[in-house]
């Protein structure tokens, strides 16, 4: 599982998502009912993550397994953070209103 140090590995993506949510390793571990050391191992790319665990992890981090694996990754940290925050909004009416506001700001 060793990767070049400048690559955005799955572990780094997991860590970044967790930090965007202002969540500690302890909080994420508690939410998933696993030891903190397991979260640390995930973030440091020390272990392979089972698909079922990856799905649960993505749910807690308000993203998708594809994003965590780097398939839907955006290299712009602003867009990545905005994407995570937008996925946290579950109310459809609020989503529609926010999207309309973003479109209006983009056309200014």
Protein backbone atom coordinates (compact mmCIF):
# COMPACT_ATOMS: atom_id res chain seq x y z
CA UNK A 1 0.00 0.00 0.00
CA UNK A 2 2.99 2.31 -0.21
CA UNK A 3 2.45 5.31 -2.46
CA UNK A 4 4.46 8.29 -3.52
CA UNK A 5 4.40 10.97 -0.85
CA UNK A 6 2.83 13.57 -3.16
CA UNK A 7 -0.12 11.36 -4.19
CA UNK A 8 -3.57 11.90 -2.77
CA UNK A 9 -4.01 8.41 -1.36
CA UNK A 10 -7.27 7.03 -0.02
CA UNK A 11 -5.93 7.57 3.49
CA UNK A 12 -5.21 11.23 2.81
CA UNK A 13 -8.63 11.71 1.25
CA UNK A 14 -10.26 10.12 4.31
CA UNK A 15 -8.23 12.39 6.62
CA UNK A 16 -9.12 15.49 4.59
CA UNK A 17 -12.84 14.65 4.62
CA UNK A 18 -12.73 14.06 8.37
CA UNK A 19 -10.94 17.37 8.96
CA UNK A 20 -13.38 19.30 6.75
CA UNK A 21 -16.13 18.00 9.03
CA UNK A 22 -14.06 19.08 12.06
CA UNK A 23 -14.21 15.51 13.32
CA UNK A 24 -11.46 13.83 15.33
CA UNK A 25 -10.26 10.30 14.73
CA UNK A 26 -11.82 9.43 18.08
CA UNK A 27 -15.22 10.79 17.04
CA UNK A 28 -15.18 8.94 13.73
CA UNK A 29 -14.05 5.72 15.41
CA UNK A 30 -16.80 6.03 18.02
CA UNK A 31 -19.44 6.64 15.33
CA UNK A 32 -18.28 3.50 13.50
CA UNK A 33 -17.83 1.43 16.70
CA UNK A 34 -14.19 0.67 15.89
CA UNK A 35 -10.89 1.51 17.64
CA UNK A 36 -9.22 4.87 16.94
CA UNK A 37 -6.14 2.91 15.89
CA UNK A 38 -8.15 1.48 12.98
CA UNK A 39 -9.02 4.99 11.74
CA UNK A 40 -5.34 5.88 12.05
CA UNK A 41 -4.41 2.79 10.02
CA UNK A 42 -6.93 3.77 7.32
CA UNK A 43 -5.62 7.34 7.16
CA UNK A 44 -2.01 6.16 6.96
CA UNK A 45 -2.78 3.60 4.24
CA UNK A 46 -1.62 0.74 6.48
CA UNK A 47 -4.54 -1.60 5.74
CA UNK A 48 -6.88 -2.42 2.88
CA UNK A 49 -10.45 -1.37 3.59
CA UNK A 50 -13.30 -3.81 2.87
CA UNK A 51 -16.05 -2.52 0.58
CA UNK A 52 -18.66 -2.67 3.36
CA UNK A 53 -16.44 -0.64 5.68
CA UNK A 54 -15.67 1.84 2.90
CA UNK A 55 -19.40 2.38 2.38
CA UNK A 56 -19.96 2.98 6.11
CA UNK A 57 -16.94 5.29 6.24
CA UNK A 58 -18.22 7.30 3.28
CA UNK A 59 -21.63 7.64 4.95
CA UNK A 60 -20.05 9.05 8.12
CA UNK A 61 -17.90 11.41 6.04
CA UNK A 62 -20.88 12.55 3.92
CA UNK A 63 -19.33 11.46 0.64
CA UNK A 64 -19.18 8.40 -1.64
CA UNK A 65 -16.89 5.38 -1.75
CA UNK A 66 -15.79 6.52 -5.23
CA UNK A 67 -14.70 9.87 -3.83
CA UNK A 68 -12.72 8.20 -1.03
CA UNK A 69 -11.02 5.94 -3.59
CA UNK A 70 -10.03 8.98 -5.64
CA UNK A 71 -12.30 8.37 -8.63
CA UNK A 72 -14.49 11.46 -8.12
CA UNK A 73 -11.74 13.62 -6.70
CA UNK A 74 -11.39 17.33 -7.32
CA UNK A 75 -7.90 18.72 -6.78
CA UNK A 76 -9.19 22.14 -5.73
CA UNK A 77 -9.46 22.10 -1.90
CA UNK A 78 -12.19 24.78 -1.96
CA UNK A 79 -14.39 22.72 -4.27
CA UNK A 80 -13.68 19.54 -2.31
CA UNK A 81 -14.72 21.20 0.95
CA UNK A 82 -17.80 22.77 -0.65
CA UNK A 83 -18.80 19.39 -2.08
CA UNK A 84 -18.58 17.72 1.34
CA UNK A 85 -20.57 20.52 2.96
CA UNK A 86 -23.25 20.41 0.24
CA UNK A 87 -23.78 16.68 0.71
CA UNK A 88 -24.61 17.36 4.34
CA UNK A 89 -27.75 19.30 3.32
CA UNK A 90 -30.53 16.71 3.17
CA UNK A 91 -33.58 18.98 2.85
CA UNK A 92 -34.57 19.10 -0.86
CA UNK A 93 -36.15 22.55 -0.56
CA UNK A 94 -32.96 23.90 1.00
CA UNK A 95 -30.85 22.25 -1.73
CA UNK A 96 -32.96 23.89 -4.44
CA UNK A 97 -32.75 27.30 -2.77
CA UNK A 98 -28.98 27.02 -2.28
CA UNK A 99 -28.43 25.95 -5.88
CA UNK A 100 -30.47 28.94 -7.12
CA UNK A 101 -28.36 31.27 -4.96
CA UNK A 102 -25.11 29.77 -6.24
CA UNK A 103 -26.27 30.17 -9.84
CA UNK A 104 -27.20 33.80 -9.16
CA UNK A 105 -23.79 34.51 -7.62
CA UNK A 106 -22.04 32.81 -10.53
CA UNK A 107 -23.84 35.13 -12.97
CA UNK A 108 -22.88 38.34 -11.14
